[in-house]
Every structure is written in structure tokens, then in C-alpha cells.
Amino acid sequence: MALIDRVAQRLKMRDLRLLDTVVRWGSMAKASNQLHLSQAAVSKAVGEMEQMLGVRLIERGRHGVEPTPHGRALLKRGIAIFDELRQGLAEIESLSDPTVGEVRVSASEPIAAGLLPYLIDRFSRRYPKVSVSVMQAPIGSLQIMTPQYRDLRERNVDLVLGPIIEPFTEGDLASDPLFEESQVVAVGTMNKWARRRAVALADLMDEAWCLQPQNTRAGLLHIEAFRHNRLEVPRKCVISSSVQVQLGLLSTQRFLTIFPNSLVQIAGNRHSIKALPIKLPVEPWPLGIITLKKRTANPATRLFIEMARDFTKALARPTMAPLRFA
């Protein structure tokens, strides 16, 4: 009997779920607790899968359980199977009511602090039966060596809203640019510099700053902005990859930072911050929606994407003036 025929008859979806749980938790004992099975039953089930396929699926070592290349290949396809099933159930539900369902979004921290809450508010008012779940991912301030768009590739989310970091080396992603994101110098609204109508970056070198780390994409942009003006990074500088830390320091009315323009435009009033009239010599990067190419979005996700396109039209017009969204 051919392998595909033998496996199709004997391999069940619960087997794939069991293997995925073992690998995720890195331990037979922990997986057994999650699955409400005995450790012996979990071990036996994995052994039967290995015997059926004729290959080792996991390796047991000092650091726990890890998948073999064969195990990773099986799990990669298994994730797609479970995702397609979930999408199919969503399609069935939408046939009776197209305005129900779930949207799972991954967003960069500046987007989560600025654009996203206002977008979700408008979306939930129009489609109150759709649930929205949000995961935060360090995309724009991403460590350069960190795998990009991992949650999307593992199908933990339906879309990513954030910087489009191209090229997509694996060719499995599709991008939908919404606007060009520029960078601005931001201060608290009561900061002494907030009242200035004319100011240069050189004027601010003795001020207290909070900037992104140099081993991040955002941090590299910050360095570029100073060096283009033949300036060094300010000596009075706090380094943090957290937008919340930056916002907290701006609220002291002493610190300055560099933020994406959309954050200040949309949420400047909420965070009591404003952009200084300085044009930074930094190339803007595209911000938009990233999805998997060979994955059909469910109806709720398509509605969310349509609203995101409409909602961000105002951001496509270059300006530092605050925007108001009713």
C-alpha cells in the first residue's frame, strides 16, 4: 500500500493536534497535562505516528522535545489543514450572516498606540457582531535578525498591519500598501519646544531624548536622521524599544523622541504629544496590510481590510497636522 493511502486511512486530525502540542510545549509531560491524557498515552500516540510514517518525528534531548526535519514538515502542513478548516467554518457561519465572524490582527507597537484603536472603534460600530483579537509584534522596531511576520506565517493571525519590510524572501506573502510612513520629532504638548514655530534638529542636541536601540530598524532611521545633519546621537539619551516608555517620558515634558507621523497625527491629542516643525531627512517606508498569498481571507477579514483602506486615505496625504476621525 502506498504511503499516502496508508496515512490517509490511519492518520487523524487529533494525531496532528497531539504532535503540535508536544512540540509547542517541548515536553511529553506538559503536553499530556494540556491534552488531559496520561504521559504514556501521549508517548504511545507519537510512537504509532512514527511507525506509520517510517520516520522519526521528534527528538528527546536535555532541553526537552524538539521536532526532527520530518516532524517540522508534517506540522507545517498540519497548521495549514487546521487553518483551512477554521476558515471553512467561518465561511459556513457567514453564509447565514456576512457580518459575523472574527478578525485576528497583528500590529506593530506604534500602530497599536495610534491608528489601530480608532480603526477598530469604527469597525466595531459598523459590524458589532464581529470579534477582533489583536497581537502586538515588533515589526517596525524589529530586531534585524528576528524572523519577520512569524505570527502570519504560522497562521496565528489573519493579517498584519504595520511596516512592509520587503523583499519577502520566501515569496509567500502579499502586501497592500496604505500610505507612506514618515518620521517626526515628537514632544509633550507642554514642552518648551512645543511652542516654537521654527526649530532645527541642531537646536535640540542638549535636550533629553529617548530613542530606539541601534540594532533595530527604527533605531537605524534615528541615527540616519542625526548623521544626515552632521550631528551625533544626543548624549542625554535613554534607549528603549518600548513606545509606552517613550510616551511616558514625553509626558514628563522634558524628553523628545522620534515617532512615526501617523501616531502623532491620529493619537497626538490622546497622548498629549505633538510634532515639531522639523523635516527629518529620512526616507518614508510603506505601511500597509500583509497577508498570506495562498490563503483566502474570511468575510470578516475582508470587511476589515476594506475599512482599513478607506480609513487611512487621509494618511496618504503628507502632512504633520493632527487628523480627526469621527
Foldseek 3Di string as FASTA:
>chain_A
DDLVVLCVVPPDLVLLVLLVLCAVVLALCVSCVVVVHDSVVSVVSQVVVCVSNVHHQWDQDPSGIHGDPVVVVVNLVSLVVVLVVVLVVLQVVCVVPLLAEEAEEEEEQLCVLFVPVLLVVVSCVVRVRYYYHYHYDNAQQDQPPDDPPVCQSSPVGAKYFWFDDDDPVVPFKDWDFQAWWDKFKKAACPAPLVPDQDDEPVVCLAFAEEEEDCSTNRNVQVQVQQVVVVHGRRPNYHYDPHPVVRLVVRVVSGYMYMGTLRRCQGCVVVSRMAGHPYHGPGGTTTTGMMHTDPDDRHSNNVVSRVSSNVVRNVVNDDDSHHDDDD
